[in-house]
Amino acid sequence: MDYSKSGNPKSTRDSHHAQDLPRHGAPKAKAAEAAKKAALLARMKAAAEAKKKG
């Protein structure tokens, strides 16, 4: 019996990766990464100040 023909079809292998990440061999986007990091730091600092105030 050929078990490869029964059951559900196989899903794509990289479906668990985030789509906004550059793939292997893609050019690096340093400016976009720096902007994301700066925005994250600003949100973290604002949250820390809000928690400190009250």
N, C-alpha and C. Protein backbone atom coordinates (compact mmCIF):
# COMPACT_ATOMS: atom_id res chain seq x y z
N MET A 1 0.85 -1.18 0.00
CA MET A 1 0.00 0.00 0.00
C MET A 1 0.89 1.25 0.00
N ASP A 2 0.50 2.22 -0.79
CA ASP A 2 1.27 3.45 -0.91
C ASP A 2 0.71 4.49 0.06
N TYR A 3 1.37 4.66 1.21
CA TYR A 3 0.89 5.56 2.23
C TYR A 3 1.12 7.03 1.88
N SER A 4 1.96 7.32 0.91
CA SER A 4 2.20 8.71 0.56
C SER A 4 1.01 9.34 -0.13
N LYS A 5 0.11 8.54 -0.68
CA LYS A 5 -1.05 9.07 -1.40
C LYS A 5 -2.25 9.27 -0.49
N SER A 6 -2.21 8.82 0.75
CA SER A 6 -3.35 8.95 1.65
C SER A 6 -3.13 10.11 2.62
N GLY A 7 -4.21 10.65 3.11
CA GLY A 7 -4.12 11.71 4.12
C GLY A 7 -4.09 13.09 3.50
N ASN A 8 -3.76 14.07 4.34
CA ASN A 8 -3.75 15.46 3.92
C ASN A 8 -2.47 15.78 3.14
N PRO A 9 -2.55 16.73 2.21
CA PRO A 9 -1.34 17.13 1.49
C PRO A 9 -0.38 17.86 2.43
N LYS A 10 0.89 17.82 2.13
CA LYS A 10 1.89 18.48 2.96
C LYS A 10 1.80 19.99 2.77
N SER A 11 1.95 20.71 3.87
CA SER A 11 1.91 22.17 3.78
C SER A 11 3.29 22.69 3.40
N THR A 12 3.36 23.98 3.12
CA THR A 12 4.64 24.57 2.77
C THR A 12 5.56 24.54 3.97
N ARG A 13 6.85 24.50 3.75
CA ARG A 13 7.79 24.32 4.84
C ARG A 13 8.05 25.59 5.63
N ASP A 14 8.05 26.76 5.00
CA ASP A 14 8.41 27.99 5.69
C ASP A 14 7.19 28.81 6.10
N SER A 15 6.07 28.17 6.36
CA SER A 15 4.86 28.92 6.68
C SER A 15 4.92 29.54 8.06
N HIS A 16 5.84 29.11 8.93
CA HIS A 16 5.90 29.64 10.29
C HIS A 16 6.78 30.88 10.41
N HIS A 17 7.44 31.28 9.34
CA HIS A 17 8.30 32.46 9.40
C HIS A 17 7.50 33.72 9.14
N ALA A 18 7.92 34.80 9.76
CA ALA A 18 7.27 36.09 9.52
C ALA A 18 7.55 36.53 8.08
N GLN A 19 6.58 37.15 7.47
CA GLN A 19 6.71 37.51 6.07
C GLN A 19 7.53 38.77 5.86
N ASP A 20 7.72 39.60 6.88
CA ASP A 20 8.46 40.84 6.69
C ASP A 20 9.96 40.67 6.85
N LEU A 21 10.42 39.47 7.17
CA LEU A 21 11.85 39.23 7.29
C LEU A 21 12.46 38.98 5.92
N PRO A 22 13.66 39.46 5.67
CA PRO A 22 14.28 39.21 4.37
C PRO A 22 14.69 37.74 4.25
N ARG A 23 14.55 37.21 3.08
CA ARG A 23 14.89 35.82 2.82
C ARG A 23 16.39 35.68 2.59
N HIS A 24 16.86 34.45 2.57
CA HIS A 24 18.27 34.16 2.37
C HIS A 24 18.74 34.72 1.03
N GLY A 25 19.79 35.50 1.04
CA GLY A 25 20.32 36.07 -0.18
C GLY A 25 19.73 37.41 -0.55
N ALA A 26 18.74 37.87 0.19
CA ALA A 26 18.12 39.16 -0.12
C ALA A 26 19.04 40.29 0.37
N PRO A 27 18.97 41.45 -0.28
CA PRO A 27 19.81 42.57 0.18
C PRO A 27 19.38 43.03 1.57
N LYS A 28 20.34 43.47 2.35
CA LYS A 28 20.08 43.89 3.72
C LYS A 28 19.43 45.27 3.74
N ALA A 29 18.50 45.47 4.64
CA ALA A 29 17.80 46.74 4.77
C ALA A 29 18.12 47.32 6.14
N LYS A 30 19.25 47.96 6.27
CA LYS A 30 19.69 48.49 7.57
C LYS A 30 18.81 49.64 8.04
N ALA A 31 18.38 50.51 7.13
CA ALA A 31 17.59 51.68 7.53
C ALA A 31 16.25 51.25 8.11
N ALA A 32 15.62 50.27 7.53
CA ALA A 32 14.32 49.81 8.02
C ALA A 32 14.47 49.16 9.40
N GLU A 33 15.54 48.39 9.60
CA GLU A 33 15.76 47.76 10.89
C GLU A 33 16.04 48.80 11.96
N ALA A 34 16.80 49.83 11.63
CA ALA A 34 17.11 50.89 12.59
C ALA A 34 15.84 51.65 12.97
N ALA A 35 14.98 51.89 12.01
CA ALA A 35 13.73 52.60 12.29
C ALA A 35 12.83 51.77 13.19
N LYS A 36 12.77 50.47 12.94
CA LYS A 36 11.96 49.60 13.78
C LYS A 36 12.49 49.58 15.21
N LYS A 37 13.81 49.50 15.34
CA LYS A 37 14.42 49.46 16.66
C LYS A 37 14.20 50.77 17.41
N ALA A 38 14.31 51.90 16.72
CA ALA A 38 14.09 53.20 17.35
C ALA A 38 12.64 53.33 17.81
N ALA A 39 11.71 52.87 17.00
CA ALA A 39 10.30 52.94 17.38
C ALA A 39 10.02 52.04 18.58
N LEU A 40 10.63 50.88 18.60
CA LEU A 40 10.46 49.97 19.73
C LEU A 40 11.01 50.58 21.02
N LEU A 41 12.20 51.17 20.94
CA LEU A 41 12.78 51.80 22.12
C LEU A 41 11.92 52.96 22.62
N ALA A 42 11.36 53.73 21.70
CA ALA A 42 10.50 54.85 22.10
C ALA A 42 9.25 54.34 22.81
N ARG A 43 8.65 53.26 22.30
CA ARG A 43 7.47 52.69 22.95
C ARG A 43 7.82 52.14 24.33
N MET A 44 8.97 51.51 24.44
CA MET A 44 9.38 50.94 25.73
C MET A 44 9.63 52.04 26.76
N LYS A 45 10.28 53.13 26.33
CA LYS A 45 10.54 54.25 27.24
C LYS A 45 9.23 54.91 27.67
N ALA A 46 8.29 55.07 26.74
CA ALA A 46 7.00 55.67 27.08
C ALA A 46 6.24 54.79 28.06
N ALA A 47 6.31 53.48 27.86
CA ALA A 47 5.62 52.56 28.77
C ALA A 47 6.26 52.60 30.15
N ALA A 48 7.58 52.70 30.22
CA ALA A 48 8.26 52.77 31.51
C ALA A 48 7.91 54.05 32.24
N GLU A 49 7.82 55.16 31.53
CA GLU A 49 7.45 56.44 32.15
C GLU A 49 6.01 56.39 32.66
N ALA A 50 5.12 55.80 31.86
CA ALA A 50 3.71 55.70 32.28
C ALA A 50 3.58 54.81 33.51
N LYS A 51 4.34 53.76 33.56
CA LYS A 51 4.29 52.87 34.73
C LYS A 51 4.89 53.54 35.95
N LYS A 52 5.93 54.36 35.74
CA LYS A 52 6.58 55.05 36.85
C LYS A 52 5.65 56.13 37.44
N LYS A 53 4.88 56.80 36.56
CA LYS A 53 4.01 57.89 37.01
C LYS A 53 2.76 57.35 37.72
N GLY A 54 2.31 56.21 37.32
CA GLY A 54 1.14 55.86 38.05
C GLY A 54 0.47 54.62 37.82
